[in-house]
PDB file of N, CA and C in Angstrom:
ATOM      1  N   UNK A   1     -20.040   8.074  27.333  1.00  0.00           N
ATOM      2  CA  UNK A   1     -19.380   8.437  26.095  1.00  0.00           C
ATOM      3  C   UNK A   1     -20.439   8.461  24.980  1.00  0.00           C
ATOM      4  N   UNK A   2     -20.429   9.521  24.176  1.00  0.00           N
ATOM      5  CA  UNK A   2     -21.429   9.611  23.115  1.00  0.00           C
ATOM      6  C   UNK A   2     -20.917   8.964  21.824  1.00  0.00           C
ATOM      7  N   UNK A   3     -21.783   8.910  20.827  1.00  0.00           N
ATOM      8  CA  UNK A   3     -21.455   8.246  19.564  1.00  0.00           C
ATOM      9  C   UNK A   3     -20.236   8.879  18.893  1.00  0.00           C
ATOM     10  N   UNK A   4     -20.130  10.187  18.936  1.00  0.00           N
ATOM     11  CA  UNK A   4     -18.985  10.872  18.312  1.00  0.00           C
ATOM     12  C   UNK A   4     -17.679  10.457  18.983  1.00  0.00           C
ATOM     13  N   UNK A   5     -17.645  10.462  20.286  1.00  0.00           N
ATOM     14  CA  UNK A   5     -16.431  10.077  21.008  1.00  0.00           C
ATOM     15  C   UNK A   5     -16.072   8.623  20.754  1.00  0.00           C
ATOM     16  N   UNK A   6     -17.063   7.755  20.780  1.00  0.00           N
ATOM     17  CA  UNK A   6     -16.823   6.329  20.515  1.00  0.00           C
ATOM     18  C   UNK A   6     -16.281   6.122  19.104  1.00  0.00           C
ATOM     19  N   UNK A   7     -16.887   6.812  18.159  1.00  0.00           N
ATOM     20  CA  UNK A   7     -16.452   6.681  16.764  1.00  0.00           C
ATOM     21  C   UNK A   7     -15.028   7.191  16.589  1.00  0.00           C
ATOM     22  N   UNK A   8     -14.693   8.282  17.239  1.00  0.00           N
ATOM     23  CA  UNK A   8     -13.331   8.818  17.148  1.00  0.00           C
ATOM     24  C   UNK A   8     -12.314   7.865  17.762  1.00  0.00           C
ATOM     25  N   UNK A   9     -12.698   7.199  18.846  1.00  0.00           N
ATOM     26  CA  UNK A   9     -11.803   6.192  19.433  1.00  0.00           C
ATOM     27  C   UNK A   9     -11.592   5.026  18.469  1.00  0.00           C
ATOM     28  N   UNK A  10     -12.656   4.612  17.793  1.00  0.00           N
ATOM     29  CA  UNK A  10     -12.532   3.537  16.805  1.00  0.00           C
ATOM     30  C   UNK A  10     -11.622   3.966  15.654  1.00  0.00           C
ATOM     31  N   UNK A  11     -11.768   5.211  15.210  1.00  0.00           N
ATOM     32  CA  UNK A  11     -10.920   5.728  14.135  1.00  0.00           C
ATOM     33  C   UNK A  11      -9.465   5.781  14.591  1.00  0.00           C
ATOM     34  N   UNK A  12      -9.230   6.245  15.816  1.00  0.00           N
ATOM     35  CA  UNK A  12      -7.861   6.287  16.347  1.00  0.00           C
ATOM     36  C   UNK A  12      -7.232   4.892  16.368  1.00  0.00           C
ATOM     37  N   UNK A  13      -8.002   3.892  16.780  1.00  0.00           N
ATOM     38  CA  UNK A  13      -7.487   2.524  16.832  1.00  0.00           C
ATOM     39  C   UNK A  13      -7.218   2.005  15.419  1.00  0.00           C
ATOM     40  N   UNK A  14      -8.130   2.272  14.497  1.00  0.00           N
ATOM     41  CA  UNK A  14      -7.915   1.852  13.106  1.00  0.00           C
ATOM     42  C   UNK A  14      -6.672   2.540  12.537  1.00  0.00           C
ATOM     43  N   UNK A  15      -6.496   3.827  12.840  1.00  0.00           N
ATOM     44  CA  UNK A  15      -5.320   4.562  12.353  1.00  0.00           C
ATOM     45  C   UNK A  15      -4.023   3.991  12.917  1.00  0.00           C
ATOM     46  N   UNK A  16      -4.053   3.573  14.178  1.00  0.00           N
ATOM     47  CA  UNK A  16      -2.872   2.953  14.780  1.00  0.00           C
ATOM     48  C   UNK A  16      -2.515   1.675  14.033  1.00  0.00           C
ATOM     49  N   UNK A  17      -3.529   0.879  13.748  1.00  0.00           N
ATOM     50  CA  UNK A  17      -3.300  -0.373  13.019  1.00  0.00           C
ATOM     51  C   UNK A  17      -2.833  -0.099  11.587  1.00  0.00           C
ATOM     52  N   UNK A  18      -3.423   0.900  10.947  1.00  0.00           N
ATOM     53  CA  UNK A  18      -3.022   1.248   9.580  1.00  0.00           C
ATOM     54  C   UNK A  18      -1.556   1.664   9.541  1.00  0.00           C
ATOM     55  N   UNK A  19      -1.121   2.470  10.507  1.00  0.00           N
ATOM     56  CA  UNK A  19       0.282   2.913  10.540  1.00  0.00           C
ATOM     57  C   UNK A  19       1.222   1.716  10.674  1.00  0.00           C
ATOM     58  N   UNK A  20       0.884   0.787  11.535  1.00  0.00           N
ATOM     59  CA  UNK A  20       1.713  -0.406  11.724  1.00  0.00           C
ATOM     60  C   UNK A  20       1.741  -1.256  10.456  1.00  0.00           C
ATOM     61  N   UNK A  21       0.584  -1.448   9.831  1.00  0.00           N
ATOM     62  CA  UNK A  21       0.500  -2.227   8.604  1.00  0.00           C
ATOM     63  C   UNK A  21       1.192  -1.528   7.435  1.00  0.00           C
ATOM     64  N   UNK A  22       1.120  -0.206   7.412  1.00  0.00           N
ATOM     65  CA  UNK A  22       1.819   0.569   6.385  1.00  0.00           C
ATOM     66  C   UNK A  22       3.325   0.301   6.458  1.00  0.00           C
ATOM     67  N   UNK A  23       3.872   0.376   7.653  1.00  0.00           N
ATOM     68  CA  UNK A  23       5.299   0.098   7.825  1.00  0.00           C
ATOM     69  C   UNK A  23       5.634  -1.332   7.405  1.00  0.00           C
ATOM     70  N   UNK A  24       4.826  -2.281   7.825  1.00  0.00           N
ATOM     71  CA  UNK A  24       5.055  -3.682   7.473  1.00  0.00           C
ATOM     72  C   UNK A  24       5.025  -3.854   5.952  1.00  0.00           C
ATOM     73  N   UNK A  25       4.041  -3.255   5.302  1.00  0.00           N
ATOM     74  CA  UNK A  25       3.908  -3.381   3.849  1.00  0.00           C
ATOM     75  C   UNK A  25       5.103  -2.757   3.133  1.00  0.00           C
ATOM     76  N   UNK A  26       5.520  -1.571   3.566  1.00  0.00           N
ATOM     77  CA  UNK A  26       6.591  -0.886   2.860  1.00  0.00           C
ATOM     78  C   UNK A  26       7.963  -1.500   3.134  1.00  0.00           C
ATOM     79  N   UNK A  27       8.136  -2.158   4.257  1.00  0.00           N
ATOM     80  CA  UNK A  27       9.374  -2.923   4.466  1.00  0.00           C
ATOM     81  C   UNK A  27       9.418  -4.084   3.482  1.00  0.00           C
ATOM     82  N   UNK A  28       8.264  -4.728   3.253  1.00  0.00           N
ATOM     83  CA  UNK A  28       8.196  -5.810   2.267  1.00  0.00           C
ATOM     84  C   UNK A  28       8.407  -5.256   0.858  1.00  0.00           C
ATOM     85  N   UNK A  29       7.879  -4.077   0.576  1.00  0.00           N
ATOM     86  CA  UNK A  29       8.071  -3.428  -0.734  1.00  0.00           C
ATOM     87  C   UNK A  29       9.558  -3.212  -0.992  1.00  0.00           C
ATOM     88  N   UNK A  30      10.278  -2.809   0.045  1.00  0.00           N
ATOM     89  CA  UNK A  30      11.729  -2.609  -0.091  1.00  0.00           C
ATOM     90  C   UNK A  30      12.406  -3.918  -0.505  1.00  0.00           C
ATOM     91  N   UNK A  31      11.979  -5.026   0.084  1.00  0.00           N
ATOM     92  CA  UNK A  31      12.539  -6.335  -0.274  1.00  0.00           C
ATOM     93  C   UNK A  31      12.177  -6.730  -1.701  1.00  0.00           C
ATOM     94  N   UNK A  32      10.946  -6.432  -2.112  1.00  0.00           N
ATOM     95  CA  UNK A  32      10.522  -6.708  -3.488  1.00  0.00           C
ATOM     96  C   UNK A  32      11.391  -5.911  -4.454  1.00  0.00           C
ATOM     97  N   UNK A  33      11.641  -4.660  -4.141  1.00  0.00           N
ATOM     98  CA  UNK A  33      12.478  -3.825  -5.003  1.00  0.00           C
ATOM     99  C   UNK A  33      13.878  -4.416  -5.128  1.00  0.00           C
ATOM    100  N   UNK A  34      14.425  -4.888  -4.048  1.00  0.00           N
ATOM    101  CA  UNK A  34      15.758  -5.486  -4.087  1.00  0.00           C
ATOM    102  C   UNK A  34      15.766  -6.688  -5.035  1.00  0.00           C
ATOM    103  N   UNK A  35      14.745  -7.519  -4.931  1.00  0.00           N
ATOM    104  CA  UNK A  35      14.637  -8.679  -5.830  1.00  0.00           C
ATOM    105  C   UNK A  35      14.531  -8.217  -7.281  1.00  0.00           C
ATOM    106  N   UNK A  36      13.650  -7.249  -7.526  1.00  0.00           N
ATOM    107  CA  UNK A  36      13.475  -6.739  -8.890  1.00  0.00           C
ATOM    108  C   UNK A  36      14.785  -6.168  -9.427  1.00  0.00           C
ATOM    109  N   UNK A  37      15.487  -5.435  -8.599  1.00  0.00           N
ATOM    110  CA  UNK A  37      16.758  -4.829  -9.020  1.00  0.00           C
ATOM    111  C   UNK A  37      17.774  -5.908  -9.377  1.00  0.00           C
ATOM    112  N   UNK A  38      17.881  -6.922  -8.550  1.00  0.00           N
ATOM    113  CA  UNK A  38      18.836  -8.011  -8.791  1.00  0.00           C
ATOM    114  C   UNK A  38      18.502  -8.820 -10.039  1.00  0.00           C
ATOM    115  N   UNK A  39      17.218  -8.846 -10.417  1.00  0.00           N
ATOM    116  CA  UNK A  39      16.785  -9.649 -11.558  1.00  0.00           C
ATOM    117  C   UNK A  39      16.415  -8.807 -12.778  1.00  0.00           C
ATOM    118  N   UNK A  40      16.780  -7.528 -12.750  1.00  0.00           N
ATOM    119  CA  UNK A  40      16.546  -6.654 -13.894  1.00  0.00           C
ATOM    120  C   UNK A  40      15.089  -6.435 -14.236  1.00  0.00           C
ATOM    121  N   UNK A  41      14.247  -6.441 -13.239  1.00  0.00           N
ATOM    122  CA  UNK A  41      12.807  -6.267 -13.458  1.00  0.00           C
ATOM    123  C   UNK A  41      12.412  -4.809 -13.276  1.00  0.00           C
ATOM    124  N   UNK A  42      11.352  -4.413 -13.954  1.00  0.00           N
ATOM    125  CA  UNK A  42      10.801  -3.065 -13.830  1.00  0.00           C
ATOM    126  C   UNK A  42      10.001  -2.933 -12.540  1.00  0.00           C
ATOM    127  N   UNK A  43       9.869  -1.697 -12.066  1.00  0.00           N
ATOM    128  CA  UNK A  43       9.054  -1.448 -10.874  1.00  0.00           C
ATOM    129  C   UNK A  43       7.594  -1.778 -11.163  1.00  0.00           C
ATOM    130  N   UNK A  44       7.086  -1.281 -12.279  1.00  0.00           N
ATOM    131  CA  UNK A  44       5.672  -1.476 -12.598  1.00  0.00           C
ATOM    132  C   UNK A  44       5.430  -2.823 -13.250  1.00  0.00           C
ATOM    133  N   UNK A  45       4.489  -3.551 -12.673  1.00  0.00           N
ATOM    134  CA  UNK A  45       3.997  -4.793 -13.259  1.00  0.00           C
ATOM    135  C   UNK A  45       2.475  -4.640 -13.307  1.00  0.00           C
ATOM    136  N   UNK A  46       1.979  -4.132 -14.426  1.00  0.00           N
ATOM    137  CA  UNK A  46       0.557  -3.782 -14.547  1.00  0.00           C
ATOM    138  C   UNK A  46      -0.368  -4.967 -14.297  1.00  0.00           C
ATOM    139  N   UNK A  47      -0.002  -6.129 -14.799  1.00  0.00           N
ATOM    140  CA  UNK A  47      -0.886  -7.287 -14.612  1.00  0.00           C
ATOM    141  C   UNK A  47      -0.957  -7.676 -13.137  1.00  0.00           C
ATOM    142  N   UNK A  48       0.165  -7.618 -12.449  1.00  0.00           N
ATOM    143  CA  UNK A  48       0.172  -7.921 -11.006  1.00  0.00           C
ATOM    144  C   UNK A  48      -0.637  -6.879 -10.244  1.00  0.00           C
ATOM    145  N   UNK A  49      -0.464  -5.619 -10.613  1.00  0.00           N
ATOM    146  CA  UNK A  49      -1.189  -4.552  -9.939  1.00  0.00           C
ATOM    147  C   UNK A  49      -2.705  -4.748 -10.097  1.00  0.00           C
ATOM    148  N   UNK A  50      -3.131  -5.096 -11.295  1.00  0.00           N
ATOM    149  CA  UNK A  50      -4.557  -5.332 -11.548  1.00  0.00           C
ATOM    150  C   UNK A  50      -5.056  -6.522 -10.725  1.00  0.00           C
ATOM    151  N   UNK A  51      -4.281  -7.591 -10.687  1.00  0.00           N
ATOM    152  CA  UNK A  51      -4.673  -8.788  -9.928  1.00  0.00           C
ATOM    153  C   UNK A  51      -4.774  -8.482  -8.438  1.00  0.00           C
ATOM    154  N   UNK A  52      -3.845  -7.702  -7.924  1.00  0.00           N
ATOM    155  CA  UNK A  52      -3.869  -7.325  -6.503  1.00  0.00           C
ATOM    156  C   UNK A  52      -5.121  -6.512  -6.197  1.00  0.00           C
ATOM    157  N   UNK A  53      -5.435  -5.573  -7.087  1.00  0.00           N
ATOM    158  CA  UNK A  53      -6.622  -4.737  -6.880  1.00  0.00           C
ATOM    159  C   UNK A  53      -7.879  -5.599  -6.848  1.00  0.00           C
ATOM    160  N   UNK A  54      -7.997  -6.513  -7.786  1.00  0.00           N
ATOM    161  CA  UNK A  54      -9.183  -7.374  -7.841  1.00  0.00           C
ATOM    162  C   UNK A  54      -9.282  -8.261  -6.596  1.00  0.00           C
ATOM    163  N   UNK A  55      -8.166  -8.896  -6.252  1.00  0.00           N
ATOM    164  CA  UNK A  55      -8.162  -9.804  -5.096  1.00  0.00           C
ATOM    165  C   UNK A  55      -8.546  -9.063  -3.819  1.00  0.00           C
ATOM    166  N   UNK A  56      -7.950  -7.907  -3.603  1.00  0.00           N
ATOM    167  CA  UNK A  56      -8.208  -7.192  -2.360  1.00  0.00           C
ATOM    168  C   UNK A  56      -9.573  -6.523  -2.334  1.00  0.00           C
ATOM    169  N   UNK A  57     -10.072  -6.087  -3.478  1.00  0.00           N
ATOM    170  CA  UNK A  57     -11.425  -5.527  -3.527  1.00  0.00           C
ATOM    171  C   UNK A  57     -12.458  -6.580  -3.137  1.00  0.00           C
ATOM    172  N   UNK A  58     -12.193  -7.822  -3.510  1.00  0.00           N
ATOM    173  CA  UNK A  58     -13.126  -8.903  -3.192  1.00  0.00           C
ATOM    174  C   UNK A  58     -13.153  -9.225  -1.696  1.00  0.00           C
ATOM    175  N   UNK A  59     -12.184  -8.759  -0.967  1.00  0.00           N
ATOM    176  CA  UNK A  59     -12.137  -9.019   0.479  1.00  0.00           C
ATOM    177  C   UNK A  59     -13.097  -8.134   1.268  1.00  0.00           C
ATOM    178  N   UNK A  60     -13.603  -7.106   0.635  1.00  0.00           N
ATOM    179  CA  UNK A  60     -14.525  -6.201   1.324  1.00  0.00           C
ATOM    180  C   UNK A  60     -15.836  -6.908   1.631  1.00  0.00           C
ATOM    181  N   UNK A  61     -16.324  -6.717   2.816  1.00  0.00           N
ATOM    182  CA  UNK A  61     -17.647  -7.229   3.170  1.00  0.00           C
ATOM    183  C   UNK A  61     -18.726  -6.225   2.783  1.00  0.00           C
ATOM    184  N   UNK A  62     -18.420  -4.945   2.963  1.00  0.00           N
ATOM    185  CA  UNK A  62     -19.374  -3.884   2.629  1.00  0.00           C
ATOM    186  C   UNK A  62     -19.093  -3.438   1.194  1.00  0.00           C
ATOM    187  N   UNK A  63     -19.823  -4.003   0.243  1.00  0.00           N
ATOM    188  CA  UNK A  63     -19.591  -3.759  -1.183  1.00  0.00           C
ATOM    189  C   UNK A  63     -19.813  -2.296  -1.565  1.00  0.00           C
ATOM    190  N   UNK A  64     -20.583  -1.553  -0.777  1.00  0.00           N
ATOM    191  CA  UNK A  64     -20.821  -0.144  -1.097  1.00  0.00           C
ATOM    192  C   UNK A  64     -19.546   0.686  -0.971  1.00  0.00           C
ATOM    193  N   UNK A  65     -18.544   0.151  -0.278  1.00  0.00           N
ATOM    194  CA  UNK A  65     -17.284   0.867  -0.095  1.00  0.00           C
ATOM    195  C   UNK A  65     -16.270   0.585  -1.202  1.00  0.00           C
ATOM    196  N   UNK A  66     -16.596  -0.312  -2.115  1.00  0.00           N
ATOM    197  CA  UNK A  66     -15.616  -0.738  -3.119  1.00  0.00           C
ATOM    198  C   UNK A  66     -15.006   0.403  -3.939  1.00  0.00           C
ATOM    199  N   UNK A  67     -15.796   1.355  -4.471  1.00  0.00           N
ATOM    200  CA  UNK A  67     -15.144   2.414  -5.259  1.00  0.00           C
ATOM    201  C   UNK A  67     -14.160   3.246  -4.434  1.00  0.00           C
ATOM    202  N   UNK A  68     -14.460   3.445  -3.166  1.00  0.00           N
ATOM    203  CA  UNK A  68     -13.580   4.227  -2.295  1.00  0.00           C
ATOM    204  C   UNK A  68     -12.342   3.419  -1.931  1.00  0.00           C
ATOM    205  N   UNK A  69     -12.541   2.127  -1.716  1.00  0.00           N
ATOM    206  CA  UNK A  69     -11.415   1.241  -1.429  1.00  0.00           C
ATOM    207  C   UNK A  69     -10.473   1.195  -2.619  1.00  0.00           C
ATOM    208  N   UNK A  70     -11.045   1.086  -3.832  1.00  0.00           N
ATOM    209  CA  UNK A  70     -10.216   1.041  -5.041  1.00  0.00           C
ATOM    210  C   UNK A  70      -9.393   2.321  -5.183  1.00  0.00           C
ATOM    211  N   UNK A  71      -9.994   3.463  -4.901  1.00  0.00           N
ATOM    212  CA  UNK A  71      -9.246   4.729  -4.943  1.00  0.00           C
ATOM    213  C   UNK A  71      -8.116   4.720  -3.918  1.00  0.00           C
ATOM    214  N   UNK A  72      -8.457   4.327  -2.702  1.00  0.00           N
ATOM    215  CA  UNK A  72      -7.477   4.256  -1.620  1.00  0.00           C
ATOM    216  C   UNK A  72      -6.331   3.308  -1.991  1.00  0.00           C
ATOM    217  N   UNK A  73      -6.688   2.143  -2.493  1.00  0.00           N
ATOM    218  CA  UNK A  73      -5.686   1.124  -2.793  1.00  0.00           C
ATOM    219  C   UNK A  73      -4.802   1.542  -3.970  1.00  0.00           C
ATOM    220  N   UNK A  74      -5.417   2.176  -4.980  1.00  0.00           N
ATOM    221  CA  UNK A  74      -4.634   2.648  -6.124  1.00  0.00           C
ATOM    222  C   UNK A  74      -3.622   3.694  -5.665  1.00  0.00           C
ATOM    223  N   UNK A  75      -4.073   4.575  -4.782  1.00  0.00           N
ATOM    224  CA  UNK A  75      -3.149   5.591  -4.267  1.00  0.00           C
ATOM    225  C   UNK A  75      -2.002   4.939  -3.493  1.00  0.00           C
ATOM    226  N   UNK A  76      -2.315   3.928  -2.701  1.00  0.00           N
ATOM    227  CA  UNK A  76      -1.265   3.237  -1.951  1.00  0.00           C
ATOM    228  C   UNK A  76      -0.268   2.575  -2.906  1.00  0.00           C
ATOM    229  N   UNK A  77      -0.761   1.979  -3.985  1.00  0.00           N
ATOM    230  CA  UNK A  77       0.154   1.360  -4.951  1.00  0.00           C
ATOM    231  C   UNK A  77       0.994   2.419  -5.663  1.00  0.00           C
ATOM    232  N   UNK A  78       0.398   3.584  -5.933  1.00  0.00           N
ATOM    233  CA  UNK A  78       1.155   4.679  -6.547  1.00  0.00           C
ATOM    234  C   UNK A  78       2.266   5.172  -5.609  1.00  0.00           C
ATOM    235  N   UNK A  79       1.946   5.284  -4.335  1.00  0.00           N
ATOM    236  CA  UNK A  79       2.946   5.688  -3.338  1.00  0.00           C
ATOM    237  C   UNK A  79       4.036   4.625  -3.240  1.00  0.00           C
ATOM    238  N   UNK A  80       3.659   3.366  -3.321  1.00  0.00           N
ATOM    239  CA  UNK A  80       4.621   2.271  -3.283  1.00  0.00           C
ATOM    240  C   UNK A  80       5.603   2.364  -4.450  1.00  0.00           C
ATOM    241  N   UNK A  81       5.079   2.645  -5.646  1.00  0.00           N
ATOM    242  CA  UNK A  81       5.956   2.780  -6.819  1.00  0.00           C
ATOM    243  C   UNK A  81       6.892   3.977  -6.663  1.00  0.00           C
ATOM    244  N   UNK A  82       6.370   5.080  -6.106  1.00  0.00           N
ATOM    245  CA  UNK A  82       7.217   6.251  -5.870  1.00  0.00           C
ATOM    246  C   UNK A  82       8.317   5.915  -4.866  1.00  0.00           C
ATOM    247  N   UNK A  83       7.961   5.202  -3.814  1.00  0.00           N
ATOM    248  CA  UNK A  83       8.935   4.788  -2.811  1.00  0.00           C
ATOM    249  C   UNK A  83      10.038   3.948  -3.461  1.00  0.00           C
ATOM    250  N   UNK A  84       9.643   2.994  -4.309  1.00  0.00           N
ATOM    251  CA  UNK A  84      10.632   2.159  -4.991  1.00  0.00           C
ATOM    252  C   UNK A  84      11.535   3.001  -5.895  1.00  0.00           C
ATOM    253  N   UNK A  85      10.937   3.919  -6.626  1.00  0.00           N
ATOM    254  CA  UNK A  85      11.707   4.802  -7.514  1.00  0.00           C
ATOM    255  C   UNK A  85      12.698   5.638  -6.699  1.00  0.00           C
ATOM    256  N   UNK A  86      12.230   6.193  -5.583  1.00  0.00           N
ATOM    257  CA  UNK A  86      13.101   6.995  -4.725  1.00  0.00           C
ATOM    258  C   UNK A  86      14.249   6.162  -4.163  1.00  0.00           C
ATOM    259  N   UNK A  87      13.960   4.933  -3.758  1.00  0.00           N
ATOM    260  CA  UNK A  87      15.017   4.058  -3.243  1.00  0.00           C
ATOM    261  C   UNK A  87      16.055   3.753  -4.326  1.00  0.00           C
ATOM    262  N   UNK A  88      15.588   3.503  -5.546  1.00  0.00           N
ATOM    263  CA  UNK A  88      16.522   3.237  -6.646  1.00  0.00           C
ATOM    264  C   UNK A  88      17.415   4.440  -6.911  1.00  0.00           C
ATOM    265  N   UNK A  89      16.811   5.627  -6.940  1.00  0.00           N
ATOM    266  CA  UNK A  89      17.581   6.843  -7.180  1.00  0.00           C
ATOM    267  C   UNK A  89      18.596   7.072  -6.074  1.00  0.00           C
ATOM    268  N   UNK A  90      18.194   6.834  -4.839  1.00  0.00           N
ATOM    269  CA  UNK A  90      19.102   6.989  -3.695  1.00  0.00           C
ATOM    270  C   UNK A  90      20.253   6.001  -3.794  1.00  0.00           C
ATOM    271  N   UNK A  91      19.938   4.772  -4.170  1.00  0.00           N
ATOM    272  CA  UNK A  91      20.954   3.729  -4.325  1.00  0.00           C
ATOM    273  C   UNK A  91      21.945   4.101  -5.402  1.00  0.00           C
ATOM    274  N   UNK A  92      21.450   4.620  -6.536  1.00  0.00           N
ATOM    275  CA  UNK A  92      22.330   5.017  -7.639  1.00  0.00           C
ATOM    276  C   UNK A  92      23.233   6.171  -7.238  1.00  0.00           C
ATOM    277  N   UNK A  93      22.710   7.095  -6.447  1.00  0.00           N
ATOM    278  CA  UNK A  93      23.495   8.227  -5.954  1.00  0.00           C
ATOM    279  C   UNK A  93      24.667   7.775  -5.100  1.00  0.00           C
ATOM    280  N   UNK A  94      24.406   6.760  -4.280  1.00  0.00           N
ATOM    281  CA  UNK A  94      25.394   6.290  -3.318  1.00  0.00           C
ATOM    282  C   UNK A  94      26.420   5.342  -3.903  1.00  0.00           C
ATOM    283  N   UNK A  95      26.305   5.031  -5.177  1.00  0.00           N
ATOM    284  CA  UNK A  95      27.275   4.115  -5.783  1.00  0.00           C
ATOM    285  C   UNK A  95      28.350   4.855  -6.501  1.00  0.00           C
TER     286      UNK A  95
END
């Protein structure tokens, strides 16, 4: 097996893990939204979002990847907020 094939297998395995973790994270996001809804809280909590970004950026071992990780993570948080907004709208429709 050459380097390209090995690398693609590693990417496939990482993608499998990412998909599983994505589902796990977004199921938890759904629970967070339920709590926020019950307690009259807004979807966006800027201070929490900033703290999460800082904490998770510090987990990187390869510091050269930090700007790319921050972009990736910000996009994931944006998708999370959209998911919460969509769930709220769906819930309101069904009531």
